[in-house]
Amino acid sequence: MKKLLPFFDEFKIEAGCDEAGRGCLAGPVVAAAVILPKDFTHPFLNDSKQLSEKKRELLRPIIESEAIAYSVSFIGPEEIDEINILKASFFAMHRAVDKLSIKPESLLIDGNRFIPYSSIPHHCIIKGDGKYLNIAAASILAKTYRDEYMDQIAEEFPEYSWKQNKGYPTKAHREAIQKFGPTKFHRMSFTLLAPEQLSLFD
């Protein structure tokens, strides 16, 4: 496993930022911001997508207890539909940074685009969750908090298999939307049915 970098700038208080759930048909987009000690290390810490659920769950309390500061922010389907998913992802990160108990001097953003936040400089890093420890930590918090939320709302709507698909556009999820219709947790601005499903209504 490639070793992740502890910081972008050794002399600044840096917050790593990432989101989870951008490509989902249902549920919120969730962002996290994490400030880690410069000497923080953990053998498992990596991009959340590269880790098993078990390892993510193991890392979450370690990150929360070892971080200098962390926060998590949710933006729900209604607001996503209103402002679009890309803006919602950026604003979720803004709100996560807002909630940090310590103001960072620099933001490390996973991805290639970002809406500048206040007067804090930022650096967009493509696949940053596999390059920097603080972005990887943010990716794990965003993913575990979102998964936990999807498991909770799955109790109310078990037919959509959210415990398995977490709201992503799987075949089973789309078939459930076709059969039962969308719920209050679905993003109505998204294409909820696959093209072949839509043709059934022609």
C-alpha atoms as a PDB file:
ATOM      1  CA  MET A   1       0.000   0.000   0.000  1.00  0.00           C
ATOM      2  CA  LYS A   2       1.342   3.425  -0.966  1.00  0.00           C
ATOM      3  CA  LYS A   3       2.305   5.605   1.981  1.00  0.00           C
ATOM      4  CA  LEU A   4       0.101   8.689   2.303  1.00  0.00           C
ATOM      5  CA  LEU A   5       1.576  12.127   2.922  1.00  0.00           C
ATOM      6  CA  PRO A   6       1.063  13.753   6.340  1.00  0.00           C
ATOM      7  CA  PHE A   7       0.716  17.325   5.015  1.00  0.00           C
ATOM      8  CA  PHE A   8       0.864  19.612   1.988  1.00  0.00           C
ATOM      9  CA  ASP A   9       2.502  22.470   3.911  1.00  0.00           C
ATOM     10  CA  GLU A  10       4.260  21.604   7.152  1.00  0.00           C
ATOM     11  CA  PHE A  11       3.867  25.122   8.546  1.00  0.00           C
ATOM     12  CA  LYS A  12       0.097  25.570   8.102  1.00  0.00           C
ATOM     13  CA  ILE A  13      -2.928  24.195   9.919  1.00  0.00           C
ATOM     14  CA  GLU A  14      -4.469  22.102   7.168  1.00  0.00           C
ATOM     15  CA  ALA A  15      -7.927  20.567   6.960  1.00  0.00           C
ATOM     16  CA  GLY A  16      -8.518  17.686   4.599  1.00  0.00           C
ATOM     17  CA  CYS A  17     -12.001  17.748   3.015  1.00  0.00           C
ATOM     18  CA  ASP A  18     -13.956  15.076   1.179  1.00  0.00           C
ATOM     19  CA  GLU A  19     -17.538  14.035   0.471  1.00  0.00           C
ATOM     20  CA  ALA A  20     -19.528  10.835   0.064  1.00  0.00           C
ATOM     21  CA  GLY A  21     -22.719  10.113  -1.841  1.00  0.00           C
ATOM     22  CA  ARG A  22     -22.387  12.407  -4.839  1.00  0.00           C
ATOM     23  CA  GLY A  23     -23.463   9.711  -7.309  1.00  0.00           C
ATOM     24  CA  CYS A  24     -26.367   8.337  -5.286  1.00  0.00           C
ATOM     25  CA  LEU A  25     -30.031   8.441  -6.267  1.00  0.00           C
ATOM     26  CA  ALA A  26     -31.213   8.748  -2.661  1.00  0.00           C
ATOM     27  CA  GLY A  27     -30.046  10.191   0.615  1.00  0.00           C
ATOM     28  CA  PRO A  28     -27.818  13.129   1.512  1.00  0.00           C
ATOM     29  CA  VAL A  29     -24.389  14.116   0.294  1.00  0.00           C
ATOM     30  CA  VAL A  30     -22.119  14.094   3.342  1.00  0.00           C
ATOM     31  CA  ALA A  31     -18.855  15.980   3.746  1.00  0.00           C
ATOM     32  CA  ALA A  32     -16.185  15.892   6.410  1.00  0.00           C
ATOM     33  CA  ALA A  33     -13.284  18.155   7.316  1.00  0.00           C
ATOM     34  CA  VAL A  34     -10.400  16.833   9.414  1.00  0.00           C
ATOM     35  CA  ILE A  35      -7.327  18.472  10.949  1.00  0.00           C
ATOM     36  CA  LEU A  36      -4.812  15.805  11.970  1.00  0.00           C
ATOM     37  CA  PRO A  37      -1.643  16.172  14.023  1.00  0.00           C
ATOM     38  CA  LYS A  38       1.381  16.476  11.684  1.00  0.00           C
ATOM     39  CA  ASP A  39       2.812  13.268  13.123  1.00  0.00           C
ATOM     40  CA  PHE A  40      -0.400  11.222  12.873  1.00  0.00           C
ATOM     41  CA  THR A  41      -0.057   7.845  11.240  1.00  0.00           C
ATOM     42  CA  HIS A  42      -2.021   4.615  11.045  1.00  0.00           C
ATOM     43  CA  PRO A  43      -1.209   1.534   8.942  1.00  0.00           C
ATOM     44  CA  PHE A  44      -4.788   1.164   7.639  1.00  0.00           C
ATOM     45  CA  LEU A  45      -5.544   4.802   6.814  1.00  0.00           C
ATOM     46  CA  ASN A  46      -6.239   5.161   3.094  1.00  0.00           C
ATOM     47  CA  ASP A  47      -8.924   6.271   0.654  1.00  0.00           C
ATOM     48  CA  SER A  48     -12.212   4.953   2.106  1.00  0.00           C
ATOM     49  CA  LYS A  49     -13.058   3.283  -1.234  1.00  0.00           C
ATOM     50  CA  GLN A  50      -9.935   1.095  -0.859  1.00  0.00           C
ATOM     51  CA  LEU A  51     -10.945  -0.140   2.600  1.00  0.00           C
ATOM     52  CA  SER A  52     -13.399  -2.738   3.810  1.00  0.00           C
ATOM     53  CA  GLU A  53     -16.391  -1.609   5.853  1.00  0.00           C
ATOM     54  CA  LYS A  54     -14.790  -3.260   8.881  1.00  0.00           C
ATOM     55  CA  LYS A  55     -11.587  -1.221   8.515  1.00  0.00           C
ATOM     56  CA  ARG A  56     -13.521   2.008   7.980  1.00  0.00           C
ATOM     57  CA  GLU A  57     -15.527   1.362  11.142  1.00  0.00           C
ATOM     58  CA  LEU A  58     -12.331   0.601  13.040  1.00  0.00           C
ATOM     59  CA  LEU A  59     -10.671   3.824  11.842  1.00  0.00           C
ATOM     60  CA  ARG A  60     -13.571   6.194  12.529  1.00  0.00           C
ATOM     61  CA  PRO A  61     -13.205   6.345  16.365  1.00  0.00           C
ATOM     62  CA  ILE A  62      -9.407   6.514  16.017  1.00  0.00           C
ATOM     63  CA  ILE A  63      -9.666   9.502  13.675  1.00  0.00           C
ATOM     64  CA  GLU A  64     -12.232  11.182  15.941  1.00  0.00           C
ATOM     65  CA  SER A  65     -10.117  10.741  19.072  1.00  0.00           C
ATOM     66  CA  GLU A  66      -6.744  11.607  17.488  1.00  0.00           C
ATOM     67  CA  ALA A  67      -7.808  14.528  15.259  1.00  0.00           C
ATOM     68  CA  ILE A  68      -7.064  18.052  16.419  1.00  0.00           C
ATOM     69  CA  ALA A  69     -10.522  18.915  15.034  1.00  0.00           C
ATOM     70  CA  TYR A  70     -13.114  17.258  12.799  1.00  0.00           C
ATOM     71  CA  SER A  71     -16.675  17.869  11.660  1.00  0.00           C
ATOM     72  CA  VAL A  72     -19.285  16.298   9.410  1.00  0.00           C
ATOM     73  CA  SER A  73     -22.043  18.021   7.425  1.00  0.00           C
ATOM     74  CA  PHE A  74     -25.142  16.683   5.623  1.00  0.00           C
ATOM     75  CA  ILE A  75     -27.054  18.218   2.707  1.00  0.00           C
ATOM     76  CA  GLY A  76     -30.364  16.485   1.975  1.00  0.00           C
ATOM     77  CA  PRO A  77     -32.133  15.601  -1.281  1.00  0.00           C
ATOM     78  CA  GLU A  78     -34.357  18.686  -1.321  1.00  0.00           C
ATOM     79  CA  GLU A  79     -31.415  21.086  -1.225  1.00  0.00           C
ATOM     80  CA  ILE A  80     -29.473  18.926  -3.697  1.00  0.00           C
ATOM     81  CA  ASP A  81     -32.396  19.229  -6.128  1.00  0.00           C
ATOM     82  CA  GLU A  82     -32.524  22.978  -5.575  1.00  0.00           C
ATOM     83  CA  ILE A  83     -28.833  23.851  -6.085  1.00  0.00           C
ATOM     84  CA  ASN A  84     -27.460  20.753  -7.971  1.00  0.00           C
ATOM     85  CA  ILE A  85     -25.234  17.994  -6.651  1.00  0.00           C
ATOM     86  CA  LEU A  86     -21.890  19.614  -7.480  1.00  0.00           C
ATOM     87  CA  LYS A  87     -22.685  22.795  -5.534  1.00  0.00           C
ATOM     88  CA  ALA A  88     -24.200  20.701  -2.750  1.00  0.00           C
ATOM     89  CA  SER A  89     -20.932  18.742  -2.457  1.00  0.00           C
ATOM     90  CA  PHE A  90     -18.913  21.963  -2.193  1.00  0.00           C
ATOM     91  CA  PHE A  91     -21.332  23.621   0.235  1.00  0.00           C
ATOM     92  CA  ALA A  92     -21.344  20.495   2.419  1.00  0.00           C
ATOM     93  CA  MET A  93     -17.557  20.874   2.655  1.00  0.00           C
ATOM     94  CA  HIS A  94     -17.961  24.589   3.448  1.00  0.00           C
ATOM     95  CA  ARG A  95     -20.360  23.741   6.282  1.00  0.00           C
ATOM     96  CA  ALA A  96     -18.029  21.079   7.618  1.00  0.00           C
ATOM     97  CA  VAL A  97     -15.188  23.634   7.706  1.00  0.00           C
ATOM     98  CA  ASP A  98     -17.584  26.128   9.376  1.00  0.00           C
ATOM     99  CA  LYS A  99     -18.121  23.674  12.223  1.00  0.00           C
ATOM    100  CA  LEU A 100     -14.444  22.979  12.941  1.00  0.00           C
ATOM    101  CA  SER A 101     -13.408  24.058  16.441  1.00  0.00           C
ATOM    102  CA  ILE A 102     -10.094  25.347  15.044  1.00  0.00           C
ATOM    103  CA  LYS A 103      -9.897  27.568  11.965  1.00  0.00           C
ATOM    104  CA  PRO A 104      -7.642  26.002   9.322  1.00  0.00           C
ATOM    105  CA  GLU A 105      -5.105  28.063   7.348  1.00  0.00           C
ATOM    106  CA  SER A 106      -5.365  25.856   4.270  1.00  0.00           C
ATOM    107  CA  LEU A 107      -7.862  23.373   2.812  1.00  0.00           C
ATOM    108  CA  LEU A 108      -6.921  20.222   0.935  1.00  0.00           C
ATOM    109  CA  ILE A 109      -9.856  19.281  -1.292  1.00  0.00           C
ATOM    110  CA  ASP A 110     -10.343  15.871  -2.852  1.00  0.00           C
ATOM    111  CA  GLY A 111     -11.056  16.421  -6.544  1.00  0.00           C
ATOM    112  CA  ASN A 112     -10.324  18.905  -9.308  1.00  0.00           C
ATOM    113  CA  ARG A 113     -12.858  21.660  -8.527  1.00  0.00           C
ATOM    114  CA  PHE A 114     -14.052  23.671  -5.548  1.00  0.00           C
ATOM    115  CA  ILE A 115     -15.904  26.879  -4.725  1.00  0.00           C
ATOM    116  CA  PRO A 116     -13.479  28.992  -2.639  1.00  0.00           C
ATOM    117  CA  TYR A 117     -14.346  29.101   1.042  1.00  0.00           C
ATOM    118  CA  SER A 118     -14.099  32.464   2.817  1.00  0.00           C
ATOM    119  CA  SER A 119     -10.520  33.734   2.724  1.00  0.00           C
ATOM    120  CA  ILE A 120      -8.894  30.345   3.348  1.00  0.00           C
ATOM    121  CA  PRO A 121      -6.660  29.191   0.471  1.00  0.00           C
ATOM    122  CA  HIS A 122      -7.400  25.749  -0.932  1.00  0.00           C
ATOM    123  CA  HIS A 123      -5.642  23.128  -3.036  1.00  0.00           C
ATOM    124  CA  CYS A 124      -7.621  20.733  -5.242  1.00  0.00           C
ATOM    125  CA  ILE A 125      -5.925  17.355  -5.342  1.00  0.00           C
ATOM    126  CA  ILE A 126      -7.146  14.722  -7.789  1.00  0.00           C
ATOM    127  CA  LYS A 127      -7.498  11.387  -5.956  1.00  0.00           C
ATOM    128  CA  GLY A 128      -6.344  13.264  -2.865  1.00  0.00           C
ATOM    129  CA  ASP A 129      -7.976  10.677  -0.594  1.00  0.00           C
ATOM    130  CA  GLY A 130      -5.264   8.273  -1.759  1.00  0.00           C
ATOM    131  CA  LYS A 131      -2.461  10.833  -1.346  1.00  0.00           C
ATOM    132  CA  TYR A 132      -2.943  12.772   1.910  1.00  0.00           C
ATOM    133  CA  LEU A 133      -3.770  11.408   5.347  1.00  0.00           C
ATOM    134  CA  ASN A 134      -6.143  14.234   6.285  1.00  0.00           C
ATOM    135  CA  ILE A 135      -8.192  13.848   3.080  1.00  0.00           C
ATOM    136  CA  ALA A 136      -8.276  10.061   3.593  1.00  0.00           C
ATOM    137  CA  ALA A 137      -9.497  10.638   7.164  1.00  0.00           C
ATOM    138  CA  ALA A 138     -12.223  12.989   5.880  1.00  0.00           C
ATOM    139  CA  SER A 139     -13.257  10.398   3.273  1.00  0.00           C
ATOM    140  CA  ILE A 140     -13.663   7.768   6.000  1.00  0.00           C
ATOM    141  CA  LEU A 141     -15.762  10.005   8.244  1.00  0.00           C
ATOM    142  CA  ALA A 142     -17.971  11.144   5.345  1.00  0.00           C
ATOM    143  CA  LYS A 143     -18.475   7.561   4.163  1.00  0.00           C
ATOM    144  CA  THR A 144     -19.159   5.993   7.583  1.00  0.00           C
ATOM    145  CA  TYR A 145     -21.552   8.745   8.696  1.00  0.00           C
ATOM    146  CA  ARG A 146     -23.440   8.527   5.406  1.00  0.00           C
ATOM    147  CA  ASP A 147     -23.600   4.717   5.464  1.00  0.00           C
ATOM    148  CA  GLU A 148     -24.910   4.828   9.032  1.00  0.00           C
ATOM    149  CA  TYR A 149     -27.630   7.288   7.980  1.00  0.00           C
ATOM    150  CA  MET A 150     -28.642   5.153   4.974  1.00  0.00           C
ATOM    151  CA  ASP A 151     -28.901   2.083   7.231  1.00  0.00           C
ATOM    152  CA  GLN A 152     -31.256   4.054   9.511  1.00  0.00           C
ATOM    153  CA  ILE A 153     -33.606   5.252   6.756  1.00  0.00           C
ATOM    154  CA  ALA A 154     -33.564   1.740   5.254  1.00  0.00           C
ATOM    155  CA  GLU A 155     -35.608   0.671   8.295  1.00  0.00           C
ATOM    156  CA  GLU A 156     -38.429   2.913   7.056  1.00  0.00           C
ATOM    157  CA  PHE A 157     -38.096   1.884   3.381  1.00  0.00           C
ATOM    158  CA  PRO A 158     -36.671  -1.656   3.310  1.00  0.00           C
ATOM    159  CA  GLU A 159     -37.832  -2.360  -0.249  1.00  0.00           C
ATOM    160  CA  TYR A 160     -35.057  -0.165  -1.763  1.00  0.00           C
ATOM    161  CA  SER A 161     -32.185  -2.284  -0.325  1.00  0.00           C
ATOM    162  CA  TRP A 162     -30.371   0.802   1.005  1.00  0.00           C
ATOM    163  CA  LYS A 163     -28.503  -1.293   3.580  1.00  0.00           C
ATOM    164  CA  GLN A 164     -26.801  -2.983   0.651  1.00  0.00           C
ATOM    165  CA  ASN A 165     -26.612  -0.234  -1.990  1.00  0.00           C
ATOM    166  CA  LYS A 166     -26.481   2.889   0.271  1.00  0.00           C
ATOM    167  CA  GLY A 167     -28.584   4.760  -2.310  1.00  0.00           C
ATOM    168  CA  TYR A 168     -26.321   4.141  -5.311  1.00  0.00           C
ATOM    169  CA  PRO A 169     -27.956   3.332  -8.670  1.00  0.00           C
ATOM    170  CA  THR A 170     -27.817  -0.464  -8.544  1.00  0.00           C
ATOM    171  CA  LYS A 171     -30.161  -2.628 -10.608  1.00  0.00           C
ATOM    172  CA  ALA A 172     -32.123  -3.636  -7.480  1.00  0.00           C
ATOM    173  CA  HIS A 173     -32.474  -0.015  -6.382  1.00  0.00           C
ATOM    174  CA  ARG A 174     -33.757   1.124  -9.771  1.00  0.00           C
ATOM    175  CA  GLU A 175     -36.152  -1.814 -10.006  1.00  0.00           C
ATOM    176  CA  ALA A 176     -37.569  -0.845  -6.596  1.00  0.00           C
ATOM    177  CA  ILE A 177     -38.058   2.767  -7.763  1.00  0.00           C
ATOM    178  CA  GLN A 178     -39.854   1.465 -10.847  1.00  0.00           C
ATOM    179  CA  LYS A 179     -42.095  -0.757  -8.731  1.00  0.00           C
ATOM    180  CA  PHE A 180     -42.781   1.462  -5.694  1.00  0.00           C
ATOM    181  CA  GLY A 181     -41.977   4.956  -6.975  1.00  0.00           C
ATOM    182  CA  PRO A 182     -39.584   7.458  -5.382  1.00  0.00           C
ATOM    183  CA  THR A 183     -39.548   8.295  -1.664  1.00  0.00           C
ATOM    184  CA  LYS A 184     -38.973  11.571   0.183  1.00  0.00           C
ATOM    185  CA  PHE A 185     -35.292  10.585   0.303  1.00  0.00           C
ATOM    186  CA  HIS A 186     -34.849  10.350  -3.488  1.00  0.00           C
ATOM    187  CA  ARG A 187     -33.209  13.114  -5.513  1.00  0.00           C
ATOM    188  CA  MET A 188     -35.868  14.105  -8.002  1.00  0.00           C
ATOM    189  CA  SER A 189     -33.385  16.038 -10.168  1.00  0.00           C
ATOM    190  CA  PHE A 190     -31.539  12.759 -10.859  1.00  0.00           C
ATOM    191  CA  THR A 191     -32.423  10.200 -13.533  1.00  0.00           C
ATOM    192  CA  LEU A 192     -33.968   7.646 -11.209  1.00  0.00           C
ATOM    193  CA  LEU A 193     -34.733   5.031 -13.849  1.00  0.00           C
ATOM    194  CA  ALA A 194     -32.394   3.502 -16.412  1.00  0.00           C
ATOM    195  CA  PRO A 195     -33.151   4.258 -20.124  1.00  0.00           C
ATOM    196  CA  GLU A 196     -34.469   0.728 -20.697  1.00  0.00           C
ATOM    197  CA  GLN A 197     -36.889   1.169 -17.787  1.00  0.00           C
ATOM    198  CA  LEU A 198     -38.158   4.484 -19.173  1.00  0.00           C
ATOM    199  CA  SER A 199     -38.931   2.833 -22.518  1.00  0.00           C
ATOM    200  CA  LEU A 200     -41.514   0.661 -20.739  1.00  0.00           C
ATOM    201  CA  PHE A 201     -43.616   3.790 -20.229  1.00  0.00           C
ATOM    202  CA  ASP A 202     -43.529   4.935 -23.867  1.00  0.00           C
END
